[in-house]
Amino acid sequence: MKRFLWAALLATAIAPITAEAGPIDQACMASNQKQKSWALCRCIQDVANQTLSRADQRRAAKFFQDPHKAQEIRQSDSRTHEKFWLRYKEFGAAASATCK
């Protein structure tokens, strides 16, 4: 019984930490930026959670590996890309204002 209680306690203690990592946070931490910071990446992910859908987050996370993808989407004639870009700009502005 004690083992079960310890396992349950450990699971609840670890679950919030592992569940918080989202696509933006993971891409941020994996990027080769010299000044990457866990706190900054976490803040950016928090803003993404408030402003972008999960699908938008996955799309935006790809910009960390290939910044040119952002330019392609920004210049695209696709209505879907145009709507995404507007949401992404709002996310960027909110992240810039929040995560210093």
Protein backbone atom coordinates (compact mmCIF):
# COMPACT_ATOMS: atom_id res chain seq x y z
CA MET A 1 0.00 0.00 0.00
CA LYS A 2 2.85 2.39 0.81
CA ARG A 3 4.40 1.77 -2.61
CA PHE A 4 1.11 2.63 -4.30
CA LEU A 5 0.82 5.87 -2.32
CA TRP A 6 4.40 6.85 -3.13
CA ALA A 7 3.87 6.03 -6.80
CA ALA A 8 0.66 8.08 -6.89
CA LEU A 9 2.35 10.99 -5.13
CA LEU A 10 5.29 10.86 -7.51
CA ALA A 11 3.00 10.67 -10.54
CA THR A 12 1.04 13.74 -9.47
CA ALA A 13 4.24 15.63 -8.73
CA ILE A 14 5.78 14.84 -12.12
CA ALA A 15 2.66 15.04 -14.30
CA PRO A 16 2.35 18.85 -14.33
CA ILE A 17 6.00 19.23 -15.30
CA THR A 18 5.89 16.82 -18.23
CA ALA A 19 2.43 17.86 -19.38
CA GLU A 20 3.40 21.52 -19.70
CA ALA A 21 5.93 21.09 -22.50
CA GLY A 22 4.25 22.09 -25.71
CA PRO A 23 5.47 22.26 -29.28
CA ILE A 24 6.72 25.84 -28.98
CA ASP A 25 8.54 25.12 -25.70
CA GLN A 26 10.17 22.00 -27.14
CA ALA A 27 11.25 23.77 -30.33
CA CYS A 28 12.56 26.72 -28.35
CA MET A 29 14.68 24.53 -26.10
CA ALA A 30 15.94 22.47 -29.05
CA SER A 31 16.92 25.53 -31.07
CA ASN A 32 20.58 26.40 -31.30
CA GLN A 33 20.18 29.92 -29.94
CA LYS A 34 23.05 30.80 -27.64
CA GLN A 35 20.90 32.54 -25.05
CA LYS A 36 17.99 30.12 -24.82
CA SER A 37 16.49 29.98 -21.39
CA TRP A 38 14.06 27.53 -19.84
CA ALA A 39 12.10 30.41 -18.32
CA LEU A 40 11.89 32.29 -21.62
CA CYS A 41 10.82 29.19 -23.56
CA ARG A 42 8.23 28.38 -20.88
CA CYS A 43 6.87 31.94 -21.06
CA ILE A 44 6.60 31.80 -24.84
CA GLN A 45 4.75 28.48 -24.57
CA ASP A 46 2.35 29.95 -22.01
CA VAL A 47 1.52 32.79 -24.40
CA ALA A 48 1.12 30.29 -27.24
CA ASN A 49 -1.33 28.29 -25.12
CA GLN A 50 -3.43 31.43 -24.71
CA THR A 51 -3.31 32.66 -28.30
CA LEU A 52 -2.75 29.73 -30.68
CA SER A 53 -4.49 26.43 -31.27
CA ARG A 54 -2.44 23.26 -30.90
CA ALA A 55 -2.27 22.96 -34.71
CA ASP A 56 -1.03 26.56 -34.97
CA GLN A 57 1.58 25.83 -32.30
CA ARG A 58 2.87 22.84 -34.23
CA ARG A 59 3.10 24.94 -37.39
CA ALA A 60 4.84 27.82 -35.59
CA ALA A 61 7.27 25.45 -33.85
CA LYS A 62 8.68 24.53 -37.26
CA PHE A 63 9.88 28.14 -37.62
CA PHE A 64 12.55 27.49 -34.96
CA GLN A 65 14.22 24.88 -37.20
CA ASP A 66 13.52 26.59 -40.50
CA PRO A 67 12.85 30.35 -40.25
CA HIS A 68 12.32 30.48 -44.01
CA LYS A 69 9.03 28.59 -43.53
CA ALA A 70 7.67 31.67 -41.78
CA GLN A 71 8.53 33.80 -44.79
CA GLU A 72 6.88 31.31 -47.15
CA ILE A 73 3.67 31.32 -45.12
CA ARG A 74 3.70 35.10 -44.76
CA GLN A 75 4.00 35.56 -48.53
CA SER A 76 1.60 32.77 -49.46
CA ASP A 77 -1.61 33.55 -51.33
CA SER A 78 -3.46 30.89 -49.35
CA ARG A 79 -6.35 32.18 -47.25
CA THR A 80 -5.51 29.58 -44.60
CA HIS A 81 -1.94 30.85 -44.39
CA GLU A 82 -3.16 34.44 -44.24
CA LYS A 83 -5.45 33.68 -41.28
CA PHE A 84 -2.67 31.75 -39.54
CA TRP A 85 -0.23 34.61 -40.09
CA LEU A 86 -2.60 37.09 -38.43
CA ARG A 87 -2.92 34.80 -35.40
CA TYR A 88 0.84 34.27 -35.37
CA LYS A 89 1.49 38.04 -35.41
CA GLU A 90 -0.83 38.47 -32.42
CA PHE A 91 1.02 35.68 -30.64
CA GLY A 92 4.38 37.30 -31.43
CA ALA A 93 3.26 40.68 -30.13
CA ALA A 94 1.85 39.14 -26.94
CA ALA A 95 5.01 37.06 -26.38
CA SER A 96 7.22 40.12 -26.93
CA ALA A 97 5.21 42.14 -24.43
CA THR A 98 5.02 39.35 -21.85
CA CYS A 99 8.31 37.46 -22.07
CA LYS A 100 11.20 39.80 -21.41
